[in-house]
N, C-alpha and C. Protein backbone atom coordinates (compact mmCIF):
# COMPACT_ATOMS: atom_id res chain seq x y z
N UNK A 1 133.78 -40.99 -113.74
CA UNK A 1 135.01 -42.18 -113.16
C UNK A 1 134.61 -44.14 -113.24
N UNK A 2 135.69 -43.81 -113.40
CA UNK A 2 135.54 -45.67 -112.66
C UNK A 2 135.61 -46.54 -112.57
N UNK A 3 135.15 -47.25 -112.04
CA UNK A 3 136.18 -48.23 -111.01
C UNK A 3 135.50 -50.18 -110.71
N UNK A 4 136.54 -50.43 -110.13
CA UNK A 4 136.72 -51.89 -110.16
C UNK A 4 136.50 -52.46 -109.27
N UNK A 5 134.86 -53.48 -108.64
CA UNK A 5 134.93 -53.27 -107.75
C UNK A 5 135.29 -55.13 -106.84
N UNK A 6 135.07 -55.49 -106.52
CA UNK A 6 134.74 -56.28 -105.42
C UNK A 6 134.11 -56.54 -104.50
N UNK A 7 133.00 -57.50 -104.37
CA UNK A 7 131.86 -57.12 -104.20
C UNK A 7 131.63 -58.48 -102.54
N UNK A 8 132.34 -59.93 -103.01
CA UNK A 8 132.28 -60.89 -101.40
C UNK A 8 133.69 -61.73 -102.21
N UNK A 9 134.69 -61.49 -101.43
CA UNK A 9 136.15 -62.57 -101.87
C UNK A 9 135.59 -63.64 -102.50
N UNK A 10 136.05 -64.09 -103.28
CA UNK A 10 136.56 -64.95 -104.60
C UNK A 10 135.08 -64.24 -106.09
N UNK A 11 134.08 -64.12 -105.88
CA UNK A 11 133.64 -63.43 -106.32
C UNK A 11 134.20 -62.39 -107.48
N UNK A 12 133.67 -62.39 -108.73
CA UNK A 12 134.30 -61.71 -110.52
C UNK A 12 134.36 -59.59 -109.64
N UNK A 13 135.52 -59.63 -109.61
CA UNK A 13 135.68 -58.24 -110.26
C UNK A 13 134.25 -58.02 -111.32
N UNK A 14 133.72 -56.44 -111.47
CA UNK A 14 132.82 -56.01 -111.98
C UNK A 14 133.01 -53.81 -112.17
N UNK A 15 134.10 -54.34 -113.38
CA UNK A 15 133.26 -52.59 -113.65
C UNK A 15 132.06 -51.46 -113.43
N UNK A 16 132.45 -50.47 -113.26
CA UNK A 16 131.07 -49.97 -112.37
C UNK A 16 131.74 -48.10 -113.58
N UNK A 17 130.74 -48.26 -114.21
CA UNK A 17 130.85 -46.77 -114.53
C UNK A 17 130.34 -45.76 -114.13
N UNK A 18 130.71 -44.19 -113.44
CA UNK A 18 129.84 -43.33 -113.40
C UNK A 18 129.83 -43.20 -111.73
N UNK A 19 130.76 -43.65 -111.81
CA UNK A 19 131.15 -43.42 -109.61
C UNK A 19 131.56 -41.90 -109.68
N UNK A 20 130.52 -41.11 -108.46
CA UNK A 20 130.83 -39.81 -108.39
C UNK A 20 132.05 -39.35 -107.63
N UNK A 21 132.62 -38.94 -108.42
CA UNK A 21 134.18 -38.40 -107.97
C UNK A 21 133.96 -36.92 -106.20
N UNK A 22 134.22 -37.65 -105.52
CA UNK A 22 134.51 -37.23 -104.56
C UNK A 22 135.32 -36.14 -103.82
N UNK A 23 134.54 -34.70 -103.10
CA UNK A 23 135.27 -34.00 -103.29
C UNK A 23 136.37 -33.33 -102.73
N UNK A 24 137.39 -32.94 -102.45
CA UNK A 24 138.54 -33.24 -102.45
C UNK A 24 139.13 -32.17 -100.94
N UNK A 25 139.64 -32.35 -100.29
CA UNK A 25 140.08 -31.30 -99.45
C UNK A 25 140.98 -31.06 -99.18
N UNK A 26 140.95 -30.00 -98.21
CA UNK A 26 142.79 -29.19 -98.37
C UNK A 26 143.37 -29.85 -98.21
N UNK A 27 144.94 -29.64 -99.51
CA UNK A 27 146.38 -30.53 -98.94
C UNK A 27 146.34 -32.27 -100.07
N UNK A 28 144.47 -32.14 -101.01
CA UNK A 28 144.45 -33.43 -101.96
C UNK A 28 145.06 -33.18 -103.29
N UNK A 29 144.61 -34.20 -103.74
CA UNK A 29 145.10 -34.16 -104.99
C UNK A 29 144.53 -35.28 -105.46
N UNK A 30 143.91 -35.46 -106.87
CA UNK A 30 143.09 -35.80 -108.15
C UNK A 30 143.98 -35.87 -109.51
N UNK A 31 144.25 -37.81 -109.29
CA UNK A 31 145.36 -38.31 -110.27
C UNK A 31 144.54 -39.14 -110.97
N UNK A 32 144.67 -38.50 -112.29
CA UNK A 32 144.00 -39.58 -113.76
C UNK A 32 145.08 -40.47 -113.71
N UNK A 33 144.83 -41.73 -113.72
CA UNK A 33 145.19 -42.56 -114.03
C UNK A 33 144.75 -43.53 -115.96
N UNK A 34 145.78 -44.33 -116.27
CA UNK A 34 145.49 -44.34 -117.30
C UNK A 34 145.61 -45.45 -118.05
N UNK A 35 146.17 -46.27 -116.87
CA UNK A 35 145.90 -47.75 -117.32
C UNK A 35 147.12 -48.22 -115.93
N UNK A 36 146.55 -49.95 -115.22
CA UNK A 36 146.93 -50.35 -113.59
C UNK A 36 146.47 -51.55 -114.57
N UNK A 37 147.39 -52.50 -113.34
CA UNK A 37 147.23 -53.56 -113.86
C UNK A 37 147.07 -53.73 -111.58
N UNK A 38 146.47 -55.08 -111.62
CA UNK A 38 146.18 -55.49 -110.25
C UNK A 38 146.71 -58.04 -110.56
N UNK A 39 147.85 -58.26 -109.27
CA UNK A 39 147.40 -58.97 -109.33
C UNK A 39 146.68 -59.87 -108.55
N UNK A 40 146.43 -60.97 -109.35
CA UNK A 40 145.12 -61.74 -108.86
C UNK A 40 145.56 -62.31 -107.59
N UNK A 41 147.04 -61.93 -106.33
CA UNK A 41 147.06 -61.91 -104.97
C UNK A 41 146.19 -61.21 -104.24
N UNK A 42 146.44 -60.07 -104.87
CA UNK A 42 145.76 -58.57 -104.24
C UNK A 42 144.26 -59.25 -104.08
N UNK A 43 143.21 -58.91 -104.60
CA UNK A 43 142.26 -59.40 -104.84
C UNK A 43 141.94 -60.23 -104.36
N UNK A 44 142.41 -61.63 -103.03
CA UNK A 44 141.83 -62.26 -102.78
C UNK A 44 141.96 -62.68 -101.24
């Protein structure tokens, strides 16, 4: 799994690959997302 990680406010996002997928609990689903967008104001 890949993740964009924000370590500190104002720091650039880091792309991290190889994040472990957490085990699913009952009534949960795992959704594969091909593309996503994030507005810069949402990560400030």
